N, C-alpha and C. Protein backbone atom coordinates (compact mmCIF):
# COMPACT_ATOMS: atom_id res chain seq x y z
N MET A 1 45.29 -9.28 5.68
CA MET A 1 44.40 -8.89 6.76
C MET A 1 44.56 -7.41 7.08
N ASP A 2 45.80 -6.87 6.97
CA ASP A 2 46.02 -5.46 7.26
C ASP A 2 45.31 -4.56 6.25
N ALA A 3 45.30 -4.95 5.00
CA ALA A 3 44.61 -4.16 3.99
C ALA A 3 43.10 -4.14 4.26
N TYR A 4 42.60 -5.26 4.76
CA TYR A 4 41.18 -5.35 5.09
C TYR A 4 40.83 -4.39 6.22
N LEU A 5 41.67 -4.32 7.23
CA LEU A 5 41.42 -3.41 8.35
C LEU A 5 41.68 -1.96 7.98
N ASP A 6 42.56 -1.71 7.00
CA ASP A 6 42.80 -0.33 6.54
C ASP A 6 41.53 0.27 5.94
N ASP A 7 40.74 -0.56 5.26
CA ASP A 7 39.48 -0.07 4.70
C ASP A 7 38.54 0.38 5.81
N TYR A 8 38.47 -0.40 6.87
CA TYR A 8 37.63 -0.02 8.00
C TYR A 8 38.18 1.21 8.72
N THR A 9 39.47 1.34 8.76
CA THR A 9 40.08 2.52 9.39
C THR A 9 39.70 3.78 8.62
N ALA A 10 39.75 3.71 7.30
CA ALA A 10 39.39 4.87 6.48
C ALA A 10 37.92 5.24 6.70
N VAL A 11 37.04 4.26 6.75
CA VAL A 11 35.62 4.53 6.99
C VAL A 11 35.42 5.13 8.38
N GLY A 12 36.12 4.59 9.37
CA GLY A 12 36.01 5.11 10.73
C GLY A 12 36.49 6.54 10.84
N VAL A 13 37.59 6.87 10.15
CA VAL A 13 38.10 8.25 10.17
C VAL A 13 37.10 9.20 9.51
N ILE A 14 36.49 8.78 8.43
CA ILE A 14 35.50 9.63 7.75
C ILE A 14 34.29 9.86 8.65
N ILE A 15 33.81 8.82 9.31
CA ILE A 15 32.66 8.96 10.21
C ILE A 15 33.02 9.87 11.38
N LEU A 16 34.21 9.68 11.95
CA LEU A 16 34.65 10.52 13.06
C LEU A 16 34.79 11.97 12.63
N ALA A 17 35.33 12.21 11.44
CA ALA A 17 35.46 13.58 10.94
C ALA A 17 34.08 14.21 10.75
N GLY A 18 33.10 13.45 10.26
CA GLY A 18 31.74 13.97 10.11
C GLY A 18 31.12 14.33 11.44
N ILE A 19 31.32 13.50 12.45
CA ILE A 19 30.77 13.79 13.78
C ILE A 19 31.42 15.02 14.37
N VAL A 20 32.75 15.13 14.25
CA VAL A 20 33.46 16.30 14.78
C VAL A 20 33.03 17.57 14.04
N LEU A 21 32.89 17.49 12.73
CA LEU A 21 32.47 18.65 11.95
C LEU A 21 31.06 19.10 12.33
N ALA A 22 30.12 18.15 12.46
CA ALA A 22 28.75 18.50 12.84
C ALA A 22 28.71 19.09 14.24
N ALA A 23 29.43 18.49 15.19
CA ALA A 23 29.46 19.02 16.55
C ALA A 23 30.09 20.41 16.58
N GLY A 24 31.13 20.60 15.79
CA GLY A 24 31.78 21.91 15.73
C GLY A 24 30.85 22.99 15.19
N MET A 25 30.10 22.66 14.14
CA MET A 25 29.16 23.64 13.56
C MET A 25 28.05 23.98 14.55
N LEU A 26 27.54 22.97 15.24
CA LEU A 26 26.50 23.25 16.24
C LEU A 26 27.05 24.08 17.40
N GLY A 27 28.28 23.81 17.80
CA GLY A 27 28.89 24.59 18.88
C GLY A 27 29.11 26.04 18.49
N VAL A 28 29.62 26.29 17.29
CA VAL A 28 29.84 27.67 16.82
C VAL A 28 28.50 28.38 16.71
N ASN A 29 27.47 27.70 16.25
CA ASN A 29 26.14 28.30 16.15
C ASN A 29 25.63 28.69 17.53
N ARG A 30 25.84 27.85 18.50
CA ARG A 30 25.40 28.16 19.87
C ARG A 30 26.13 29.36 20.44
N LEU A 31 27.41 29.50 20.12
CA LEU A 31 28.19 30.64 20.62
C LEU A 31 27.80 31.95 19.94
N MET A 32 27.42 31.89 18.67
CA MET A 32 27.19 33.11 17.90
C MET A 32 25.74 33.57 17.88
N ARG A 33 24.80 32.77 18.33
CA ARG A 33 23.40 33.15 18.24
C ARG A 33 23.06 34.26 19.22
N PRO A 34 22.09 35.10 18.88
CA PRO A 34 21.66 36.13 19.82
C PRO A 34 20.84 35.51 20.96
N ARG A 35 20.97 36.12 22.13
CA ARG A 35 20.29 35.58 23.31
C ARG A 35 19.21 36.53 23.83
N VAL A 36 18.60 37.29 22.97
CA VAL A 36 17.58 38.25 23.37
C VAL A 36 16.22 37.55 23.33
N ALA A 37 15.58 37.46 24.48
CA ALA A 37 14.26 36.84 24.55
C ALA A 37 13.19 37.88 24.25
N ALA A 38 12.23 37.51 23.44
CA ALA A 38 11.13 38.42 23.10
C ALA A 38 9.85 37.60 22.99
N ARG A 39 8.72 38.25 23.26
CA ARG A 39 7.43 37.58 23.19
C ARG A 39 7.13 37.12 21.77
N GLU A 40 7.53 37.90 20.78
CA GLU A 40 7.25 37.56 19.39
C GLU A 40 7.96 36.28 18.96
N LYS A 41 9.10 36.00 19.57
CA LYS A 41 9.83 34.80 19.20
C LYS A 41 9.12 33.53 19.68
N GLN A 42 8.24 33.64 20.63
CA GLN A 42 7.53 32.47 21.16
C GLN A 42 6.24 32.17 20.40
N LEU A 43 5.81 33.09 19.52
CA LEU A 43 4.59 32.88 18.74
C LEU A 43 4.84 31.91 17.59
N THR A 44 3.81 31.15 17.24
CA THR A 44 3.92 30.32 16.05
C THR A 44 3.77 31.22 14.84
N TYR A 45 4.40 30.83 13.76
CA TYR A 45 4.40 31.64 12.55
C TYR A 45 4.01 30.75 11.39
N GLU A 46 3.01 31.16 10.65
CA GLU A 46 2.55 30.34 9.54
C GLU A 46 2.35 31.22 8.31
N SER A 47 3.27 31.19 7.41
CA SER A 47 3.16 31.86 6.11
C SER A 47 2.89 33.35 6.24
N GLY A 48 3.46 34.00 7.20
CA GLY A 48 3.31 35.44 7.35
C GLY A 48 2.02 35.89 7.97
N VAL A 49 1.19 34.96 8.42
CA VAL A 49 -0.10 35.30 9.01
C VAL A 49 0.00 35.11 10.51
N ASP A 50 -0.40 36.14 11.26
CA ASP A 50 -0.39 36.01 12.72
C ASP A 50 -1.40 34.97 13.15
N PRO A 51 -1.06 34.17 14.17
CA PRO A 51 -2.00 33.14 14.62
C PRO A 51 -3.23 33.76 15.26
N VAL A 52 -4.39 33.24 14.90
CA VAL A 52 -5.65 33.72 15.43
C VAL A 52 -6.44 32.51 15.89
N GLY A 53 -7.00 32.57 17.07
CA GLY A 53 -7.84 31.48 17.56
C GLY A 53 -7.02 30.37 18.20
N ALA A 54 -7.65 29.23 18.32
CA ALA A 54 -7.02 28.09 18.97
C ALA A 54 -5.97 27.47 18.05
N GLY A 55 -5.10 26.69 18.63
CA GLY A 55 -4.06 26.04 17.85
C GLY A 55 -4.53 24.82 17.09
N TRP A 56 -5.74 24.36 17.35
CA TRP A 56 -6.26 23.17 16.69
C TRP A 56 -7.27 23.57 15.63
N ALA A 57 -7.05 23.11 14.41
CA ALA A 57 -8.00 23.37 13.34
C ALA A 57 -8.16 22.11 12.52
N GLN A 58 -9.37 21.81 12.16
CA GLN A 58 -9.62 20.62 11.37
C GLN A 58 -9.51 20.95 9.89
N SER A 59 -9.02 20.00 9.13
CA SER A 59 -8.98 20.17 7.69
C SER A 59 -9.78 19.03 7.06
N THR A 60 -10.21 19.26 5.85
CA THR A 60 -11.06 18.26 5.21
C THR A 60 -10.24 17.03 4.83
N VAL A 61 -10.94 15.93 4.69
CA VAL A 61 -10.29 14.67 4.34
C VAL A 61 -9.78 14.71 2.91
N ARG A 62 -10.26 15.64 2.11
CA ARG A 62 -9.85 15.75 0.71
C ARG A 62 -8.34 15.93 0.59
N TYR A 63 -7.73 16.68 1.49
CA TYR A 63 -6.29 16.91 1.42
C TYR A 63 -5.52 15.61 1.66
N TYR A 64 -6.03 14.76 2.53
CA TYR A 64 -5.38 13.47 2.77
C TYR A 64 -5.51 12.57 1.55
N VAL A 65 -6.64 12.63 0.88
CA VAL A 65 -6.84 11.82 -0.31
C VAL A 65 -5.87 12.25 -1.40
N TYR A 66 -5.68 13.56 -1.57
CA TYR A 66 -4.70 14.04 -2.54
C TYR A 66 -3.30 13.54 -2.18
N ALA A 67 -2.97 13.57 -0.91
CA ALA A 67 -1.66 13.08 -0.48
C ALA A 67 -1.51 11.59 -0.78
N PHE A 68 -2.53 10.80 -0.51
CA PHE A 68 -2.46 9.37 -0.79
C PHE A 68 -2.33 9.11 -2.29
N LEU A 69 -3.09 9.85 -3.10
CA LEU A 69 -2.98 9.67 -4.54
C LEU A 69 -1.58 10.03 -5.04
N TYR A 70 -1.02 11.08 -4.48
CA TYR A 70 0.35 11.46 -4.86
C TYR A 70 1.33 10.35 -4.50
N VAL A 71 1.22 9.81 -3.31
CA VAL A 71 2.13 8.75 -2.88
C VAL A 71 1.98 7.53 -3.78
N ILE A 72 0.75 7.19 -4.13
CA ILE A 72 0.54 6.04 -5.00
C ILE A 72 1.25 6.23 -6.33
N PHE A 73 1.10 7.40 -6.94
CA PHE A 73 1.71 7.60 -8.24
C PHE A 73 3.21 7.86 -8.15
N ALA A 74 3.71 8.33 -7.02
CA ALA A 74 5.15 8.43 -6.83
C ALA A 74 5.76 7.04 -6.70
N VAL A 75 5.08 6.15 -5.99
CA VAL A 75 5.55 4.77 -5.88
C VAL A 75 5.49 4.09 -7.24
N ASP A 76 4.47 4.41 -8.01
CA ASP A 76 4.38 3.87 -9.36
C ASP A 76 5.61 4.27 -10.16
N ALA A 77 6.02 5.50 -10.08
CA ALA A 77 7.20 5.96 -10.82
C ALA A 77 8.46 5.25 -10.34
N VAL A 78 8.55 4.99 -9.04
CA VAL A 78 9.72 4.31 -8.49
C VAL A 78 9.83 2.90 -9.07
N PHE A 79 8.71 2.23 -9.28
CA PHE A 79 8.74 0.89 -9.86
C PHE A 79 8.87 0.92 -11.38
N LEU A 80 8.31 1.93 -12.02
CA LEU A 80 8.23 1.95 -13.48
C LEU A 80 9.57 2.27 -14.14
N PHE A 81 10.34 3.21 -13.61
CA PHE A 81 11.59 3.60 -14.26
C PHE A 81 12.64 2.49 -14.27
N PRO A 82 12.93 1.82 -13.15
CA PRO A 82 13.92 0.72 -13.24
C PRO A 82 13.42 -0.42 -14.13
N TRP A 83 12.12 -0.67 -14.11
CA TRP A 83 11.56 -1.72 -14.95
C TRP A 83 11.77 -1.38 -16.42
N ALA A 84 11.58 -0.13 -16.79
CA ALA A 84 11.73 0.27 -18.19
C ALA A 84 13.17 0.13 -18.66
N VAL A 85 14.11 0.31 -17.75
CA VAL A 85 15.53 0.20 -18.12
C VAL A 85 15.89 -1.24 -18.48
N VAL A 86 15.33 -2.21 -17.77
CA VAL A 86 15.71 -3.61 -17.99
C VAL A 86 14.62 -4.40 -18.72
N LEU A 87 13.67 -3.74 -19.33
CA LEU A 87 12.55 -4.43 -19.97
C LEU A 87 13.02 -5.41 -21.04
N GLU A 88 13.98 -5.02 -21.82
CA GLU A 88 14.45 -5.88 -22.90
C GLU A 88 15.07 -7.17 -22.36
N ASP A 89 15.68 -7.10 -21.19
CA ASP A 89 16.33 -8.28 -20.61
C ASP A 89 15.34 -9.22 -19.92
N ILE A 90 14.24 -8.70 -19.40
CA ILE A 90 13.38 -9.55 -18.57
C ILE A 90 12.21 -10.17 -19.33
N GLY A 91 11.91 -9.70 -20.51
CA GLY A 91 10.97 -10.39 -21.38
C GLY A 91 9.51 -9.99 -21.26
N ARG A 92 8.70 -10.79 -21.95
CA ARG A 92 7.26 -10.49 -22.07
C ARG A 92 6.49 -10.71 -20.78
N ALA A 93 6.90 -11.65 -19.97
CA ALA A 93 6.17 -11.91 -18.73
C ALA A 93 6.23 -10.69 -17.82
N ALA A 94 7.38 -10.05 -17.77
CA ALA A 94 7.51 -8.85 -16.94
C ALA A 94 6.69 -7.70 -17.53
N ALA A 95 6.59 -7.63 -18.85
CA ALA A 95 5.75 -6.60 -19.47
C ALA A 95 4.29 -6.82 -19.12
N ALA A 96 3.86 -8.08 -19.10
CA ALA A 96 2.47 -8.38 -18.73
C ALA A 96 2.22 -8.03 -17.26
N GLU A 97 3.17 -8.35 -16.40
CA GLU A 97 3.02 -8.00 -14.98
C GLU A 97 2.93 -6.49 -14.78
N MET A 98 3.74 -5.74 -15.51
CA MET A 98 3.68 -4.29 -15.38
C MET A 98 2.37 -3.76 -15.94
N GLY A 99 1.85 -4.40 -16.97
CA GLY A 99 0.55 -4.01 -17.50
C GLY A 99 -0.55 -4.21 -16.46
N ILE A 100 -0.49 -5.30 -15.72
CA ILE A 100 -1.45 -5.55 -14.65
C ILE A 100 -1.30 -4.49 -13.56
N PHE A 101 -0.06 -4.17 -13.20
CA PHE A 101 0.20 -3.16 -12.17
C PHE A 101 -0.36 -1.80 -12.58
N ILE A 102 -0.09 -1.39 -13.81
CA ILE A 102 -0.60 -0.11 -14.29
C ILE A 102 -2.12 -0.15 -14.41
N GLY A 103 -2.66 -1.30 -14.79
CA GLY A 103 -4.12 -1.44 -14.85
C GLY A 103 -4.78 -1.24 -13.50
N ILE A 104 -4.17 -1.80 -12.45
CA ILE A 104 -4.71 -1.59 -11.10
C ILE A 104 -4.66 -0.12 -10.72
N LEU A 105 -3.57 0.56 -11.08
CA LEU A 105 -3.48 1.99 -10.79
C LEU A 105 -4.53 2.79 -11.56
N VAL A 106 -4.77 2.41 -12.81
CA VAL A 106 -5.79 3.11 -13.61
C VAL A 106 -7.18 2.89 -13.01
N VAL A 107 -7.45 1.69 -12.55
CA VAL A 107 -8.75 1.43 -11.91
C VAL A 107 -8.89 2.29 -10.65
N GLY A 108 -7.83 2.41 -9.86
CA GLY A 108 -7.88 3.26 -8.67
C GLY A 108 -8.08 4.72 -9.01
N LEU A 109 -7.42 5.18 -10.05
CA LEU A 109 -7.59 6.57 -10.49
C LEU A 109 -9.00 6.80 -11.02
N ALA A 110 -9.53 5.86 -11.79
CA ALA A 110 -10.90 6.00 -12.29
C ALA A 110 -11.91 6.01 -11.14
N TYR A 111 -11.67 5.20 -10.13
CA TYR A 111 -12.56 5.18 -8.97
C TYR A 111 -12.52 6.53 -8.24
N ALA A 112 -11.32 7.07 -8.04
CA ALA A 112 -11.21 8.37 -7.38
C ALA A 112 -11.87 9.47 -8.22
N TRP A 113 -11.71 9.40 -9.53
CA TRP A 113 -12.31 10.39 -10.41
C TRP A 113 -13.83 10.29 -10.38
N ARG A 114 -14.34 9.05 -10.40
CA ARG A 114 -15.79 8.84 -10.39
C ARG A 114 -16.42 9.32 -9.08
N LYS A 115 -15.70 9.17 -7.98
CA LYS A 115 -16.22 9.62 -6.68
C LYS A 115 -16.12 11.12 -6.52
N GLY A 116 -15.47 11.81 -7.44
CA GLY A 116 -15.36 13.26 -7.37
C GLY A 116 -14.25 13.76 -6.46
N VAL A 117 -13.32 12.90 -6.15
CA VAL A 117 -12.23 13.28 -5.25
C VAL A 117 -11.30 14.28 -5.90
N LEU A 118 -11.16 14.22 -7.20
CA LEU A 118 -10.18 15.05 -7.91
C LEU A 118 -10.69 16.44 -8.28
N SER A 119 -11.90 16.80 -7.86
CA SER A 119 -12.42 18.14 -8.16
C SER A 119 -12.25 19.03 -6.93
N TRP A 120 -11.87 20.28 -7.17
CA TRP A 120 -11.61 21.22 -6.08
C TRP A 120 -12.86 21.93 -5.61
N THR A 121 -13.95 21.83 -6.31
CA THR A 121 -15.14 22.59 -5.93
C THR A 121 -15.96 21.90 -4.88
């Protein structure tokens, strides 16, 4: 039972050391930072361009579609790589299921391409 609790003690010490280290770094940062207030520090900064106009700007839905397509294909990669590693062990049924999965993704990509979502013009 003592060996069992020693494992928890080691984990607790590591967590406590991480908390103390993070708090110490934040404290040193607070002590060393400059305290000079300036109007320029209160402005928003975007890629080196001074803000002009209102803070609200609309963007086209096309950017959201690109983001969704990226997420879809990133999730595809997350499922495809582990599957490829164990393909030999799981057999033909799993290969057929992955074929269906990739087929659905291809249909989605073809639909997006046909609708003109993938063109920048």
